[in-house]
Amino acid sequence: MTEGKSEQSSSAALKPSDFVHLHNHTFHSVLDGLTKIHDLVDKVKELGMEAAAVTDHGTMSGILDYYKTAKKAGIKPIIGIETYVATRSRFDRDPGKDKQRFT
């Protein structure tokens, strides 16, 4: 490593805006999230972050509220969803076949 590169990398400190939460659940994730959308956006703004994601379980019912609230606060909304994939039918459960992972 050259001396110039060493100086450059050590002087570049991370800022709060360099970090983005990409896996957040709100109260729309039943039994898994308690966060209210307005509270999430307020906290992201308070910490100096510029973006955050909402990835609720199996629902996108809070996304419109999240999008509007985040945009109004000057936060870049990243929209996602956490889903589960059934290889066959949700009624056909065979532990041997269901353990196969997707790649």
Protein backbone atom coordinates (compact mmCIF):
# COMPACT_ATOMS: atom_id res chain seq x y z
CA MET A 1 0.00 0.00 0.00
CA THR A 2 1.30 3.40 -0.84
CA GLU A 3 1.58 6.18 1.67
CA GLY A 4 -0.98 8.37 -0.17
CA LYS A 5 -3.69 5.68 -0.10
CA SER A 6 -3.08 4.99 3.58
CA GLU A 7 -3.57 8.64 4.49
CA GLN A 8 -6.70 8.90 2.37
CA SER A 9 -8.44 5.82 3.83
CA SER A 10 -7.62 6.69 7.44
CA SER A 11 -8.89 10.25 7.13
CA ALA A 12 -12.25 9.24 5.60
CA ALA A 13 -14.50 8.85 8.63
CA LEU A 14 -17.92 7.31 8.27
CA LYS A 15 -20.90 9.63 8.63
CA PRO A 16 -24.39 8.62 9.83
CA SER A 17 -25.60 9.10 6.26
CA ASP A 18 -23.20 6.32 5.13
CA PHE A 19 -25.31 3.74 6.97
CA VAL A 20 -28.72 2.51 5.80
CA HIS A 21 -30.98 0.09 7.67
CA LEU A 22 -32.18 -2.40 5.06
CA HIS A 23 -34.23 -4.74 7.27
CA ASN A 24 -36.92 -3.02 9.36
CA HIS A 25 -40.31 -4.32 10.40
CA THR A 26 -43.17 -2.06 11.39
CA PHE A 27 -46.36 -2.88 13.26
CA HIS A 28 -47.70 -4.17 9.93
CA SER A 29 -45.51 -7.28 10.48
CA VAL A 30 -47.91 -9.10 12.77
CA LEU A 31 -46.19 -10.53 15.87
CA ASP A 32 -42.78 -9.36 14.66
CA GLY A 33 -42.71 -5.59 14.63
CA LEU A 34 -43.89 -2.83 16.92
CA THR A 35 -42.35 0.19 15.24
CA LYS A 36 -44.73 2.89 14.09
CA ILE A 37 -43.85 4.38 10.73
CA HIS A 38 -43.70 7.97 11.98
CA ASP A 39 -41.41 6.90 14.85
CA LEU A 40 -39.08 5.08 12.44
CA VAL A 41 -38.80 8.08 10.12
CA ASP A 42 -38.29 10.45 13.06
CA LYS A 43 -35.47 8.27 14.45
CA VAL A 44 -33.76 7.95 11.05
CA LYS A 45 -33.87 11.73 10.66
CA GLU A 46 -32.67 12.31 14.25
CA LEU A 47 -29.65 10.03 13.69
CA GLY A 48 -28.64 11.91 10.52
CA MET A 49 -29.34 9.06 8.13
CA GLU A 50 -30.61 9.82 4.65
CA ALA A 51 -32.40 6.55 3.82
CA ALA A 52 -34.03 3.51 5.41
CA ALA A 53 -35.93 0.44 4.26
CA VAL A 54 -39.15 -1.15 5.41
CA THR A 55 -39.36 -4.90 4.80
CA ASP A 56 -42.49 -6.12 6.55
CA HIS A 57 -43.42 -9.82 6.67
CA GLY A 58 -45.71 -10.80 3.83
CA THR A 59 -47.46 -7.45 3.53
CA MET A 60 -46.97 -4.11 1.89
CA SER A 61 -49.96 -2.51 3.61
CA GLY A 62 -47.84 0.18 5.29
CA ILE A 63 -45.72 1.10 2.30
CA LEU A 64 -47.78 4.04 1.04
CA ASP A 65 -47.79 5.64 4.50
CA TYR A 66 -44.05 4.95 4.84
CA TYR A 67 -43.27 6.40 1.40
CA LYS A 68 -45.22 9.60 2.00
CA THR A 69 -43.89 10.08 5.55
CA ALA A 70 -40.27 9.47 4.53
CA LYS A 71 -40.43 11.76 1.48
CA LYS A 72 -41.99 14.55 3.55
CA ALA A 73 -39.11 14.24 6.06
CA GLY A 74 -36.44 14.24 3.34
CA ILE A 75 -35.60 10.54 3.83
CA LYS A 76 -35.13 8.22 0.86
CA PRO A 77 -37.65 5.39 1.33
CA ILE A 78 -36.42 1.95 0.31
CA ILE A 79 -39.36 -0.36 -0.19
CA GLY A 80 -39.17 -4.11 0.29
CA ILE A 81 -41.02 -7.14 1.59
CA GLU A 82 -39.92 -10.29 3.40
CA THR A 83 -41.63 -13.28 1.84
CA TYR A 84 -41.50 -17.02 2.06
CA VAL A 85 -41.61 -19.30 -0.96
CA ALA A 86 -43.49 -22.61 -0.95
CA THR A 87 -41.99 -24.98 -3.50
CA ARG A 88 -45.31 -26.76 -3.94
CA SER A 89 -48.58 -25.97 -2.20
CA ARG A 90 -48.94 -24.42 1.21
CA PHE A 91 -51.12 -27.41 2.13
CA ASP A 92 -48.63 -30.08 0.98
CA ARG A 93 -46.05 -30.40 3.75
CA ASP A 94 -43.34 -33.02 3.43
CA PRO A 95 -40.35 -32.26 5.69
CA GLY A 96 -37.90 -34.09 3.40
CA LYS A 97 -38.83 -32.03 0.34
CA ASP A 98 -39.42 -28.77 2.18
CA LYS A 99 -35.89 -28.57 3.61
CA GLN A 100 -34.33 -28.02 0.18
CA ARG A 101 -33.01 -24.45 -0.01
CA PHE A 102 -33.10 -22.06 -2.93
CA THR A 103 -29.83 -20.74 -4.28
